[in-house]
């Protein structure tokens, strides 16, 4: 963001989208509520991936 490079920011966001995915997997692994795992962490990861793809393609 400092350099104004949307392509680099897209790669950073795509990489950062792994964190909510791993959080979701941890919740599911430890028998947490599936609605929270998918509803919070899954949707967060999906939104981050969409935003990253828009930055990479735009």
PDB file of N, CA and C in Angstrom:
ATOM      1  N   UNK A   1       0.815  -1.183   0.000  1.00  0.00           N
ATOM      2  CA  UNK A   1       0.000   0.000   0.000  1.00  0.00           C
ATOM      3  C   UNK A   1       0.862   1.251   0.000  1.00  0.00           C
ATOM      4  N   UNK A   2       1.996   1.184   0.625  1.00  0.00           N
ATOM      5  CA  UNK A   2       2.874   2.349   0.698  1.00  0.00           C
ATOM      6  C   UNK A   2       3.359   2.731  -0.701  1.00  0.00           C
ATOM      7  N   UNK A   3       3.656   1.729  -1.513  1.00  0.00           N
ATOM      8  CA  UNK A   3       4.196   1.986  -2.843  1.00  0.00           C
ATOM      9  C   UNK A   3       3.101   2.146  -3.897  1.00  0.00           C
ATOM     10  N   UNK A   4       1.856   1.922  -3.530  1.00  0.00           N
ATOM     11  CA  UNK A   4       0.762   2.071  -4.470  1.00  0.00           C
ATOM     12  C   UNK A   4       0.673   0.936  -5.477  1.00  0.00           C
ATOM     13  N   UNK A   5       1.197  -0.213  -5.132  1.00  0.00           N
ATOM     14  CA  UNK A   5       1.187  -1.357  -6.033  1.00  0.00           C
ATOM     15  C   UNK A   5       0.043  -2.291  -5.656  1.00  0.00           C
ATOM     16  N   UNK A   6      -1.052  -2.247  -6.416  1.00  0.00           N
ATOM     17  CA  UNK A   6      -2.223  -3.076  -6.120  1.00  0.00           C
ATOM     18  C   UNK A   6      -1.916  -4.561  -6.313  1.00  0.00           C
ATOM     19  N   UNK A   7      -1.031  -4.868  -7.242  1.00  0.00           N
ATOM     20  CA  UNK A   7      -0.691  -6.270  -7.502  1.00  0.00           C
ATOM     21  C   UNK A   7      -0.002  -6.902  -6.285  1.00  0.00           C
ATOM     22  N   UNK A   8       0.935  -6.195  -5.697  1.00  0.00           N
ATOM     23  CA  UNK A   8       1.630  -6.710  -4.506  1.00  0.00           C
ATOM     24  C   UNK A   8       0.658  -6.838  -3.337  1.00  0.00           C
ATOM     25  N   UNK A   9      -0.234  -5.868  -3.186  1.00  0.00           N
ATOM     26  CA  UNK A   9      -1.224  -5.946  -2.111  1.00  0.00           C
ATOM     27  C   UNK A   9      -2.147  -7.143  -2.307  1.00  0.00           C
ATOM     28  N   UNK A  10      -2.464  -7.453  -3.560  1.00  0.00           N
ATOM     29  CA  UNK A  10      -3.288  -8.623  -3.846  1.00  0.00           C
ATOM     30  C   UNK A  10      -2.627  -9.911  -3.388  1.00  0.00           C
ATOM     31  N   UNK A  11      -1.322 -10.024  -3.626  1.00  0.00           N
ATOM     32  CA  UNK A  11      -0.602 -11.225  -3.176  1.00  0.00           C
ATOM     33  C   UNK A  11      -0.548 -11.306  -1.651  1.00  0.00           C
ATOM     34  N   UNK A  12      -0.375 -10.173  -1.010  1.00  0.00           N
ATOM     35  CA  UNK A  12      -0.345 -10.158   0.457  1.00  0.00           C
ATOM     36  C   UNK A  12      -1.702 -10.575   1.013  1.00  0.00           C
ATOM     37  N   UNK A  13      -2.769 -10.050   0.431  1.00  0.00           N
ATOM     38  CA  UNK A  13      -4.108 -10.405   0.912  1.00  0.00           C
ATOM     39  C   UNK A  13      -4.431 -11.871   0.643  1.00  0.00           C
ATOM     40  N   UNK A  14      -3.983 -12.374  -0.498  1.00  0.00           N
ATOM     41  CA  UNK A  14      -4.224 -13.787  -0.804  1.00  0.00           C
ATOM     42  C   UNK A  14      -3.502 -14.684   0.189  1.00  0.00           C
ATOM     43  N   UNK A  15      -2.286 -14.310   0.539  1.00  0.00           N
ATOM     44  CA  UNK A  15      -1.535 -15.069   1.538  1.00  0.00           C
ATOM     45  C   UNK A  15      -2.172 -14.939   2.920  1.00  0.00           C
ATOM     46  N   UNK A  16      -2.626 -13.743   3.255  1.00  0.00           N
ATOM     47  CA  UNK A  16      -3.241 -13.510   4.560  1.00  0.00           C
ATOM     48  C   UNK A  16      -4.576 -14.240   4.694  1.00  0.00           C
ATOM     49  N   UNK A  17      -5.196 -14.601   3.587  1.00  0.00           N
ATOM     50  CA  UNK A  17      -6.467 -15.326   3.631  1.00  0.00           C
ATOM     51  C   UNK A  17      -6.294 -16.741   4.181  1.00  0.00           C
ATOM     52  N   UNK A  18      -5.070 -17.199   4.283  1.00  0.00           N
ATOM     53  CA  UNK A  18      -4.840 -18.529   4.852  1.00  0.00           C
ATOM     54  C   UNK A  18      -5.129 -18.569   6.355  1.00  0.00           C
ATOM     55  N   UNK A  19      -4.938 -17.449   7.048  1.00  0.00           N
ATOM     56  CA  UNK A  19      -5.166 -17.439   8.495  1.00  0.00           C
ATOM     57  C   UNK A  19      -6.604 -17.790   8.878  1.00  0.00           C
ATOM     58  N   UNK A  20      -7.611 -17.164   8.282  1.00  0.00           N
ATOM     59  CA  UNK A  20      -8.958 -17.573   8.656  1.00  0.00           C
ATOM     60  C   UNK A  20      -9.292 -19.008   8.238  1.00  0.00           C
ATOM     61  N   UNK A  21      -8.657 -19.483   7.166  1.00  0.00           N
ATOM     62  CA  UNK A  21      -8.878 -20.876   6.764  1.00  0.00           C
ATOM     63  C   UNK A  21      -8.335 -21.815   7.840  1.00  0.00           C
ATOM     64  N   UNK A  22      -7.143 -21.531   8.330  1.00  0.00           N
ATOM     65  CA  UNK A  22      -6.573 -22.374   9.379  1.00  0.00           C
ATOM     66  C   UNK A  22      -7.366 -22.254  10.681  1.00  0.00           C
ATOM     67  N   UNK A  23      -7.858 -21.064  10.988  1.00  0.00           N
ATOM     68  CA  UNK A  23      -8.722 -20.904  12.161  1.00  0.00           C
ATOM     69  C   UNK A  23      -9.971 -21.763  12.029  1.00  0.00           C
ATOM     70  N   UNK A  24     -10.564 -21.754  10.837  1.00  0.00           N
ATOM     71  CA  UNK A  24     -11.756 -22.555  10.585  1.00  0.00           C
ATOM     72  C   UNK A  24     -11.454 -24.046  10.770  1.00  0.00           C
ATOM     73  N   UNK A  25     -10.316 -24.484  10.236  1.00  0.00           N
ATOM     74  CA  UNK A  25      -9.945 -25.893  10.369  1.00  0.00           C
ATOM     75  C   UNK A  25      -9.688 -26.283  11.822  1.00  0.00           C
ATOM     76  N   UNK A  26      -9.098 -25.371  12.595  1.00  0.00           N
ATOM     77  CA  UNK A  26      -8.882 -25.645  14.020  1.00  0.00           C
ATOM     78  C   UNK A  26     -10.200 -25.801  14.763  1.00  0.00           C
ATOM     79  N   UNK A  27     -11.146 -24.938  14.476  1.00  0.00           N
ATOM     80  CA  UNK A  27     -12.451 -25.033  15.131  1.00  0.00           C
ATOM     81  C   UNK A  27     -13.120 -26.353  14.777  1.00  0.00           C
ATOM     82  N   UNK A  28     -13.080 -26.722  13.501  1.00  0.00           N
ATOM     83  CA  UNK A  28     -13.700 -27.977  13.082  1.00  0.00           C
ATOM     84  C   UNK A  28     -12.977 -29.180  13.665  1.00  0.00           C
ATOM     85  N   UNK A  29     -11.662 -29.103  13.758  1.00  0.00           N
ATOM     86  CA  UNK A  29     -10.868 -30.218  14.294  1.00  0.00           C
ATOM     87  C   UNK A  29     -11.182 -30.483  15.760  1.00  0.00           C
ATOM     88  N   UNK A  30     -11.457 -29.412  16.500  1.00  0.00           N
ATOM     89  CA  UNK A  30     -11.722 -29.553  17.928  1.00  0.00           C
ATOM     90  C   UNK A  30     -13.215 -29.552  18.237  1.00  0.00           C
ATOM     91  N   UNK A  31     -13.987 -29.973  17.244  1.00  0.00           N
ATOM     92  CA  UNK A  31     -15.432 -30.171  17.366  1.00  0.00           C
ATOM     93  C   UNK A  31     -16.182 -28.925  17.820  1.00  0.00           C
ATOM     94  N   UNK A  32     -15.759 -27.801  17.278  1.00  0.00           N
ATOM     95  CA  UNK A  32     -16.478 -26.561  17.541  1.00  0.00           C
ATOM     96  C   UNK A  32     -17.726 -26.497  16.683  1.00  0.00           C
ATOM     97  N   UNK A  33     -18.481 -25.438  16.848  1.00  0.00           N
ATOM     98  CA  UNK A  33     -19.715 -25.290  16.090  1.00  0.00           C
ATOM     99  C   UNK A  33     -19.396 -25.013  14.620  1.00  0.00           C
ATOM    100  N   UNK A  34     -20.004 -25.819  13.754  1.00  0.00           N
ATOM    101  CA  UNK A  34     -19.747 -25.681  12.328  1.00  0.00           C
ATOM    102  C   UNK A  34     -20.272 -24.351  11.798  1.00  0.00           C
ATOM    103  N   UNK A  35     -21.381 -23.891  12.347  1.00  0.00           N
ATOM    104  CA  UNK A  35     -21.962 -22.631  11.878  1.00  0.00           C
ATOM    105  C   UNK A  35     -21.007 -21.472  12.117  1.00  0.00           C
ATOM    106  N   UNK A  36     -20.340 -21.469  13.251  1.00  0.00           N
ATOM    107  CA  UNK A  36     -19.379 -20.402  13.548  1.00  0.00           C
ATOM    108  C   UNK A  36     -18.133 -20.559  12.682  1.00  0.00           C
ATOM    109  N   UNK A  37     -17.680 -21.787  12.537  1.00  0.00           N
ATOM    110  CA  UNK A  37     -16.471 -22.024  11.741  1.00  0.00           C
ATOM    111  C   UNK A  37     -16.660 -21.563  10.302  1.00  0.00           C
ATOM    112  N   UNK A  38     -17.762 -21.972   9.684  1.00  0.00           N
ATOM    113  CA  UNK A  38     -17.998 -21.598   8.296  1.00  0.00           C
ATOM    114  C   UNK A  38     -18.524 -20.175   8.176  1.00  0.00           C
ATOM    115  N   UNK A  39     -19.388 -19.782   9.107  1.00  0.00           N
ATOM    116  CA  UNK A  39     -20.022 -18.477   9.024  1.00  0.00           C
ATOM    117  C   UNK A  39     -19.092 -17.322   9.290  1.00  0.00           C
ATOM    118  N   UNK A  40     -18.167 -17.487  10.189  1.00  0.00           N
ATOM    119  CA  UNK A  40     -17.248 -16.400  10.522  1.00  0.00           C
ATOM    120  C   UNK A  40     -15.947 -16.549   9.733  1.00  0.00           C
ATOM    121  N   UNK A  41     -15.255 -17.639   9.955  1.00  0.00           N
ATOM    122  CA  UNK A  41     -13.923 -17.797   9.373  1.00  0.00           C
ATOM    123  C   UNK A  41     -13.972 -18.150   7.890  1.00  0.00           C
ATOM    124  N   UNK A  42     -14.909 -18.981   7.501  1.00  0.00           N
ATOM    125  CA  UNK A  42     -15.023 -19.342   6.093  1.00  0.00           C
ATOM    126  C   UNK A  42     -15.412 -18.161   5.222  1.00  0.00           C
ATOM    127  N   UNK A  43     -16.378 -17.383   5.689  1.00  0.00           N
ATOM    128  CA  UNK A  43     -16.806 -16.208   4.921  1.00  0.00           C
ATOM    129  C   UNK A  43     -15.703 -15.160   4.890  1.00  0.00           C
ATOM    130  N   UNK A  44     -15.001 -14.992   5.991  1.00  0.00           N
ATOM    131  CA  UNK A  44     -13.887 -14.040   6.016  1.00  0.00           C
ATOM    132  C   UNK A  44     -12.829 -14.425   4.992  1.00  0.00           C
ATOM    133  N   UNK A  45     -12.483 -15.691   4.943  1.00  0.00           N
ATOM    134  CA  UNK A  45     -11.488 -16.150   3.972  1.00  0.00           C
ATOM    135  C   UNK A  45     -11.984 -15.941   2.543  1.00  0.00           C
ATOM    136  N   UNK A  46     -13.251 -16.228   2.303  1.00  0.00           N
ATOM    137  CA  UNK A  46     -13.803 -16.059   0.960  1.00  0.00           C
ATOM    138  C   UNK A  46     -13.784 -14.594   0.523  1.00  0.00           C
ATOM    139  N   UNK A  47     -14.151 -13.690   1.419  1.00  0.00           N
ATOM    140  CA  UNK A  47     -14.139 -12.262   1.098  1.00  0.00           C
ATOM    141  C   UNK A  47     -12.717 -11.790   0.820  1.00  0.00           C
ATOM    142  N   UNK A  48     -11.769 -12.273   1.610  1.00  0.00           N
ATOM    143  CA  UNK A  48     -10.376 -11.878   1.396  1.00  0.00           C
ATOM    144  C   UNK A  48      -9.853 -12.394   0.062  1.00  0.00           C
ATOM    145  N   UNK A  49     -10.225 -13.598  -0.315  1.00  0.00           N
ATOM    146  CA  UNK A  49      -9.779 -14.158  -1.595  1.00  0.00           C
ATOM    147  C   UNK A  49     -10.383 -13.369  -2.754  1.00  0.00           C
ATOM    148  N   UNK A  50     -11.657 -13.028  -2.651  1.00  0.00           N
ATOM    149  CA  UNK A  50     -12.296 -12.240  -3.712  1.00  0.00           C
ATOM    150  C   UNK A  50     -11.619 -10.878  -3.838  1.00  0.00           C
ATOM    151  N   UNK A  51     -11.358 -10.225  -2.715  1.00  0.00           N
ATOM    152  CA  UNK A  51     -10.692  -8.919  -2.746  1.00  0.00           C
ATOM    153  C   UNK A  51      -9.291  -9.032  -3.347  1.00  0.00           C
ATOM    154  N   UNK A  52      -8.579 -10.091  -2.977  1.00  0.00           N
ATOM    155  CA  UNK A  52      -7.226 -10.295  -3.514  1.00  0.00           C
ATOM    156  C   UNK A  52      -7.268 -10.540  -5.027  1.00  0.00           C
ATOM    157  N   UNK A  53      -8.225 -11.320  -5.479  1.00  0.00           N
ATOM    158  CA  UNK A  53      -8.327 -11.579  -6.913  1.00  0.00           C
ATOM    159  C   UNK A  53      -8.686 -10.319  -7.684  1.00  0.00           C
ATOM    160  N   UNK A  54      -9.531  -9.484  -7.106  1.00  0.00           N
ATOM    161  CA  UNK A  54      -9.855  -8.221  -7.763  1.00  0.00           C
ATOM    162  C   UNK A  54      -8.620  -7.330  -7.878  1.00  0.00           C
ATOM    163  N   UNK A  55      -7.796  -7.331  -6.850  1.00  0.00           N
ATOM    164  CA  UNK A  55      -6.561  -6.539  -6.904  1.00  0.00           C
ATOM    165  C   UNK A  55      -5.570  -7.123  -7.910  1.00  0.00           C
ATOM    166  N   UNK A  56      -5.491  -8.437  -7.970  1.00  0.00           N
ATOM    167  CA  UNK A  56      -4.536  -9.069  -8.886  1.00  0.00           C
ATOM    168  C   UNK A  56      -4.974  -8.941 -10.344  1.00  0.00           C
ATOM    169  N   UNK A  57      -6.251  -8.967 -10.590  1.00  0.00           N
ATOM    170  CA  UNK A  57      -6.743  -8.907 -11.972  1.00  0.00           C
ATOM    171  C   UNK A  57      -7.003  -7.496 -12.469  1.00  0.00           C
ATOM    172  N   UNK A  58      -7.072  -6.560 -11.511  1.00  0.00           N
ATOM    173  CA  UNK A  58      -7.428  -5.196 -11.886  1.00  0.00           C
ATOM    174  C   UNK A  58      -6.283  -4.314 -12.220  1.00  0.00           C
TER     175      UNK A  58
END
